[in-house]
Amino acid sequence: MIYTKIFLEQEYLQKQKPLKQIGKENKTSAKTVHKYMKKFGIPRRSFQESQQLALKNGRATHPTKGKKRNIKTKV
C-alpha cells in the first residue's frame, strides 16, 4: 500500500492509532508507516503520549497500579 498524507493524518492523529496497528491493518510494517510519516512531515507522539494512549485504550496495563510493595522496595 502506498500511504498518503491525508490517510496517515486521519489514522495516526485523529483516530490515534499506533504505527504498529496502522501497518498491520494495511499489511505493512510499522517501520514503513514511520518512513511515510517522516516523508510527509507528520510528527510522532512522544513515548509518554504513546504510553498514556495505550493505557487509556486498553492496549497495555499499568505496571504498578494495584500492586503491593514493601517499604524496602519503596525506598
C-alpha atoms as a PDB file:
ATOM      1  CA  MET A   1       0.000   0.000   0.000  1.00  0.00           C
ATOM      2  CA  ILE A   2       1.134   3.499  -0.760  1.00  0.00           C
ATOM      3  CA  TYR A   3       0.267   5.812   2.090  1.00  0.00           C
ATOM      4  CA  THR A   4      -0.990   9.359   1.604  1.00  0.00           C
ATOM      5  CA  LYS A   5      -0.565  12.280   3.962  1.00  0.00           C
ATOM      6  CA  ILE A   6      -4.342  12.583   4.465  1.00  0.00           C
ATOM      7  CA  PHE A   7      -4.717   8.877   5.280  1.00  0.00           C
ATOM      8  CA  LEU A   8      -1.877   8.918   7.816  1.00  0.00           C
ATOM      9  CA  GLU A   9      -3.144  12.109   9.471  1.00  0.00           C
ATOM     10  CA  GLN A  10      -6.602  10.558   9.860  1.00  0.00           C
ATOM     11  CA  GLU A  11      -5.348   7.248  11.233  1.00  0.00           C
ATOM     12  CA  TYR A  12      -2.471   8.467  13.418  1.00  0.00           C
ATOM     13  CA  LEU A  13      -3.525  11.940  14.544  1.00  0.00           C
ATOM     14  CA  GLN A  14      -7.337  11.854  14.539  1.00  0.00           C
ATOM     15  CA  LYS A  15      -8.060   8.176  15.327  1.00  0.00           C
ATOM     16  CA  GLN A  16      -4.896   7.981  17.479  1.00  0.00           C
ATOM     17  CA  LYS A  17      -3.883   4.540  16.233  1.00  0.00           C
ATOM     18  CA  PRO A  18      -0.343   3.297  16.889  1.00  0.00           C
ATOM     19  CA  LEU A  19       2.046   2.776  13.967  1.00  0.00           C
ATOM     20  CA  LYS A  20       2.035  -0.977  14.523  1.00  0.00           C
ATOM     21  CA  GLN A  21      -1.747  -1.175  14.183  1.00  0.00           C
ATOM     22  CA  ILE A  22      -1.818   1.009  11.054  1.00  0.00           C
ATOM     23  CA  GLY A  23       0.831  -1.200   9.470  1.00  0.00           C
ATOM     24  CA  LYS A  24      -0.891  -4.432  10.463  1.00  0.00           C
ATOM     25  CA  GLU A  25      -4.256  -3.283   9.061  1.00  0.00           C
ATOM     26  CA  ASN A  26      -2.578  -2.422   5.742  1.00  0.00           C
ATOM     27  CA  LYS A  27      -0.242  -5.445   5.608  1.00  0.00           C
ATOM     28  CA  THR A  28       2.976  -3.472   6.065  1.00  0.00           C
ATOM     29  CA  SER A  29       5.345  -2.880   8.957  1.00  0.00           C
ATOM     30  CA  ALA A  30       5.372  -0.062  11.494  1.00  0.00           C
ATOM     31  CA  LYS A  31       8.753   0.954  10.042  1.00  0.00           C
ATOM     32  CA  THR A  32       7.158   1.511   6.622  1.00  0.00           C
ATOM     33  CA  VAL A  33       4.417   3.636   8.163  1.00  0.00           C
ATOM     34  CA  HIS A  34       7.061   5.646  10.048  1.00  0.00           C
ATOM     35  CA  LYS A  35       9.014   6.171   6.811  1.00  0.00           C
ATOM     36  CA  TYR A  36       5.961   7.709   5.113  1.00  0.00           C
ATOM     37  CA  MET A  37       5.148   9.844   8.155  1.00  0.00           C
ATOM     38  CA  LYS A  38       8.682  11.197   8.085  1.00  0.00           C
ATOM     39  CA  LYS A  39       8.366  11.863   4.342  1.00  0.00           C
ATOM     40  CA  PHE A  40       5.152  13.883   4.869  1.00  0.00           C
ATOM     41  CA  GLY A  41       6.434  15.719   7.968  1.00  0.00           C
ATOM     42  CA  ILE A  42       3.863  14.240  10.363  1.00  0.00           C
ATOM     43  CA  PRO A  43       5.214  14.500  13.925  1.00  0.00           C
ATOM     44  CA  ARG A  44       5.350  11.357  16.058  1.00  0.00           C
ATOM     45  CA  ARG A  45       3.960  11.126  19.563  1.00  0.00           C
ATOM     46  CA  SER A  46       6.372  11.132  22.466  1.00  0.00           C
ATOM     47  CA  PHE A  47       6.868   7.954  24.465  1.00  0.00           C
ATOM     48  CA  GLN A  48       4.762   9.427  27.268  1.00  0.00           C
ATOM     49  CA  GLU A  49       1.860  10.249  24.936  1.00  0.00           C
ATOM     50  CA  SER A  50       2.008   6.771  23.379  1.00  0.00           C
ATOM     51  CA  GLN A  51       2.024   5.142  26.783  1.00  0.00           C
ATOM     52  CA  GLN A  52      -0.942   7.194  28.002  1.00  0.00           C
ATOM     53  CA  LEU A  53      -2.957   6.293  24.887  1.00  0.00           C
ATOM     54  CA  ALA A  54      -2.114   2.601  25.298  1.00  0.00           C
ATOM     55  CA  LEU A  55      -3.330   2.685  28.919  1.00  0.00           C
ATOM     56  CA  LYS A  56      -6.462   4.650  28.002  1.00  0.00           C
ATOM     57  CA  ASN A  57      -7.396   2.361  25.098  1.00  0.00           C
ATOM     58  CA  GLY A  58      -6.662  -0.870  26.984  1.00  0.00           C
ATOM     59  CA  ARG A  59      -3.691  -1.974  24.855  1.00  0.00           C
ATOM     60  CA  ALA A  60      -1.479  -2.019  27.970  1.00  0.00           C
ATOM     61  CA  THR A  61      -1.866  -2.312  31.717  1.00  0.00           C
ATOM     62  CA  HIS A  62      -0.281  -0.066  34.312  1.00  0.00           C
ATOM     63  CA  PRO A  63       2.884  -1.736  35.628  1.00  0.00           C
ATOM     64  CA  THR A  64       2.381  -0.879  39.320  1.00  0.00           C
ATOM     65  CA  LYS A  65      -1.294   0.031  39.771  1.00  0.00           C
ATOM     66  CA  GLY A  66      -2.931  -2.164  42.386  1.00  0.00           C
ATOM     67  CA  LYS A  67       0.285  -3.947  43.402  1.00  0.00           C
ATOM     68  CA  LYS A  68       1.584  -4.004  46.957  1.00  0.00           C
ATOM     69  CA  ARG A  69       5.243  -3.109  47.552  1.00  0.00           C
ATOM     70  CA  ASN A  70       7.162  -3.433  50.780  1.00  0.00           C
ATOM     71  CA  ILE A  71       8.920  -0.484  52.448  1.00  0.00           C
ATOM     72  CA  LYS A  72      12.384  -1.643  51.321  1.00  0.00           C
ATOM     73  CA  THR A  73      11.300  -1.573  47.673  1.00  0.00           C
ATOM     74  CA  LYS A  74       9.682   1.860  48.057  1.00  0.00           C
ATOM     75  CA  VAL A  75      12.884   3.352  49.497  1.00  0.00           C
END
